[in-house]
Amino acid sequence: MRQSPELKPNIWDGLVVLVILALAMFAALAVWRGTDSGSAPLVTVTADGTELDRFAPEALLDSPRSYSHNGYTLTVVAERDGDTVRLHVASADCPTQDCVHTGAISRSGQSIICLPARIVITLTGGAADSSGVDVVIG
């Protein structure tokens, strides 16, 4: 029976290990740093994928804004709750009223969607809530 040759690590094996470790650390730092959490939050309003409006949430404290698309109109208002500004749809003339029943949004990544009007109101930027649940399985 033939024996396999004895394998000994050499300098090239060590170099490959160092390169792989450096790439792994770079990838981990890129993911860990994430997005810029110091930026001010913005509200983005889109209809059928086209951006209609972009503004700071505080802009709604003084006067609500109305958006019309696909034959429906909805009114977005803001309320101050301590240090945070909470946005919600005060009224809509769509038949299902899902956007009104969604409630208020205040954290980055949350959105309100009016399906009949095809309008999406998304809160982007700012610091995400680190105490919330990211994923629910099962």
Protein backbone atom coordinates (compact mmCIF):
# COMPACT_ATOMS: atom_id res chain seq x y z
CA MET A 1 0.00 0.00 0.00
CA ARG A 2 1.24 3.41 -0.94
CA GLN A 3 1.66 6.10 1.74
CA SER A 4 0.70 9.70 1.10
CA PRO A 5 3.53 12.20 1.35
CA GLU A 6 3.97 14.12 4.56
CA LEU A 7 2.62 17.68 4.20
CA LYS A 8 4.51 20.51 5.85
CA PRO A 9 3.26 24.13 6.00
CA ASN A 10 5.46 26.63 4.23
CA ILE A 11 5.67 30.42 3.98
CA TRP A 12 2.95 30.61 1.29
CA ASP A 13 0.46 28.83 3.53
CA GLY A 14 1.05 31.40 6.26
CA LEU A 15 0.62 34.24 3.76
CA VAL A 16 -2.73 32.83 2.61
CA VAL A 17 -3.93 32.57 6.21
CA LEU A 18 -2.92 36.19 6.92
CA VAL A 19 -4.72 37.46 3.80
CA ILE A 20 -7.89 35.57 4.72
CA LEU A 21 -7.80 36.92 8.29
CA ALA A 22 -7.29 40.48 7.02
CA LEU A 23 -10.24 40.17 4.62
CA ALA A 24 -12.42 38.73 7.39
CA MET A 25 -11.56 41.61 9.74
CA PHE A 26 -12.24 44.19 7.01
CA ALA A 27 -15.63 42.62 6.24
CA ALA A 28 -16.54 42.48 9.94
CA LEU A 29 -15.63 46.14 10.44
CA ALA A 30 -17.61 47.17 7.36
CA VAL A 31 -20.72 45.39 8.65
CA TRP A 32 -20.26 46.47 12.27
CA ARG A 33 -19.86 50.15 11.43
CA GLY A 34 -23.01 49.98 9.31
CA THR A 35 -24.66 53.15 8.06
CA ASP A 36 -24.08 56.61 9.42
CA SER A 37 -26.34 56.84 12.46
CA GLY A 38 -25.52 60.47 13.08
CA SER A 39 -27.42 61.73 10.06
CA ALA A 40 -30.73 63.48 10.50
CA PRO A 41 -33.83 61.41 9.75
CA LEU A 42 -35.72 62.08 6.53
CA VAL A 43 -39.22 61.24 5.38
CA THR A 44 -39.42 59.95 1.82
CA VAL A 45 -42.80 59.83 0.06
CA THR A 46 -43.04 57.76 -3.12
CA ALA A 47 -45.89 56.88 -5.46
CA ASP A 48 -45.47 53.97 -7.88
CA GLY A 49 -41.73 54.08 -7.16
CA THR A 50 -41.39 57.76 -8.08
CA GLU A 51 -40.23 60.05 -5.30
CA LEU A 52 -42.82 62.75 -4.59
CA ASP A 53 -41.31 64.43 -1.55
CA ARG A 54 -38.37 64.31 0.88
CA PHE A 55 -38.26 66.35 4.07
CA ALA A 56 -37.33 66.34 7.75
CA PRO A 57 -40.06 64.98 10.07
CA GLU A 58 -40.10 68.26 12.00
CA ALA A 59 -41.45 70.01 8.89
CA LEU A 60 -44.83 68.36 9.49
CA LEU A 61 -45.18 69.76 13.02
CA ASP A 62 -46.34 73.13 11.68
CA SER A 63 -48.54 72.01 8.81
CA PRO A 64 -49.72 68.61 7.57
CA ARG A 65 -49.08 67.54 3.97
CA SER A 66 -51.53 65.91 1.57
CA TYR A 67 -50.59 63.55 -1.25
CA SER A 68 -52.82 62.45 -4.10
CA HIS A 69 -52.20 59.57 -6.47
CA ASN A 70 -54.26 56.97 -8.30
CA GLY A 71 -57.49 58.83 -7.44
CA TYR A 72 -56.95 58.81 -3.65
CA THR A 73 -55.72 61.47 -1.23
CA LEU A 74 -54.08 61.00 2.16
CA THR A 75 -52.98 63.54 4.77
CA VAL A 76 -49.78 63.00 6.78
CA VAL A 77 -49.31 64.74 10.15
CA ALA A 78 -46.63 64.72 12.86
CA GLU A 79 -46.77 64.89 16.64
CA ARG A 80 -43.94 65.45 19.07
CA ASP A 81 -43.65 62.72 21.71
CA GLY A 82 -40.87 63.83 24.04
CA ASP A 83 -37.71 63.97 21.93
CA THR A 84 -39.11 62.00 18.99
CA VAL A 85 -41.40 63.06 16.18
CA ARG A 86 -44.08 60.50 15.28
CA LEU A 87 -45.70 60.53 11.82
CA HIS A 88 -49.07 59.07 10.96
CA VAL A 89 -51.76 59.33 8.31
CA ALA A 90 -54.58 61.38 9.79
CA SER A 91 -57.07 60.80 6.99
CA ALA A 92 -57.38 59.03 3.67
CA ASP A 93 -60.23 58.55 1.25
CA CYS A 94 -59.22 55.03 0.24
CA PRO A 95 -61.74 52.26 0.98
CA THR A 96 -59.55 50.06 3.22
CA GLN A 97 -57.98 52.77 5.46
CA ASP A 98 -54.94 50.52 6.05
CA CYS A 99 -52.61 53.52 6.07
CA VAL A 100 -54.68 55.21 8.78
CA HIS A 101 -54.80 52.05 10.90
CA THR A 102 -51.04 51.46 10.57
CA GLY A 103 -50.39 53.93 13.36
CA ALA A 104 -47.40 56.18 13.90
CA ILE A 105 -43.83 55.69 12.74
CA SER A 106 -40.83 57.20 14.52
CA ARG A 107 -37.78 55.01 13.81
CA SER A 108 -35.58 54.64 10.79
CA GLY A 109 -36.78 51.90 8.45
CA GLN A 110 -40.45 52.09 9.38
CA SER A 111 -43.01 52.86 6.70
CA ILE A 112 -46.68 53.50 6.09
CA ILE A 113 -48.17 52.10 2.89
CA CYS A 114 -51.44 53.03 1.22
CA LEU A 115 -52.12 50.19 -1.21
CA PRO A 116 -54.99 51.71 -3.24
CA ALA A 117 -53.11 55.01 -3.71
CA ARG A 118 -49.77 53.19 -4.13
CA ILE A 119 -48.10 55.72 -1.82
CA VAL A 120 -45.27 54.70 0.52
CA ILE A 121 -44.09 56.95 3.37
CA THR A 122 -40.71 55.81 4.70
CA LEU A 123 -38.56 57.14 7.51
CA THR A 124 -34.87 56.87 6.57
CA GLY A 125 -31.58 57.91 8.10
CA GLY A 126 -31.06 58.74 11.74
CA ALA A 127 -30.32 56.21 14.42
CA ALA A 128 -32.11 52.88 14.24
CA ASP A 129 -33.68 51.50 17.40
CA SER A 130 -31.14 49.00 18.72
CA SER A 131 -33.49 47.65 21.39
CA GLY A 132 -36.05 46.32 18.91
CA VAL A 133 -36.33 42.86 17.40
CA ASP A 134 -34.55 42.45 14.07
CA VAL A 135 -35.87 39.04 13.05
CA VAL A 136 -38.60 36.73 14.26
CA ILE A 137 -38.33 33.08 13.21
CA GLY A 138 -41.03 30.51 13.64
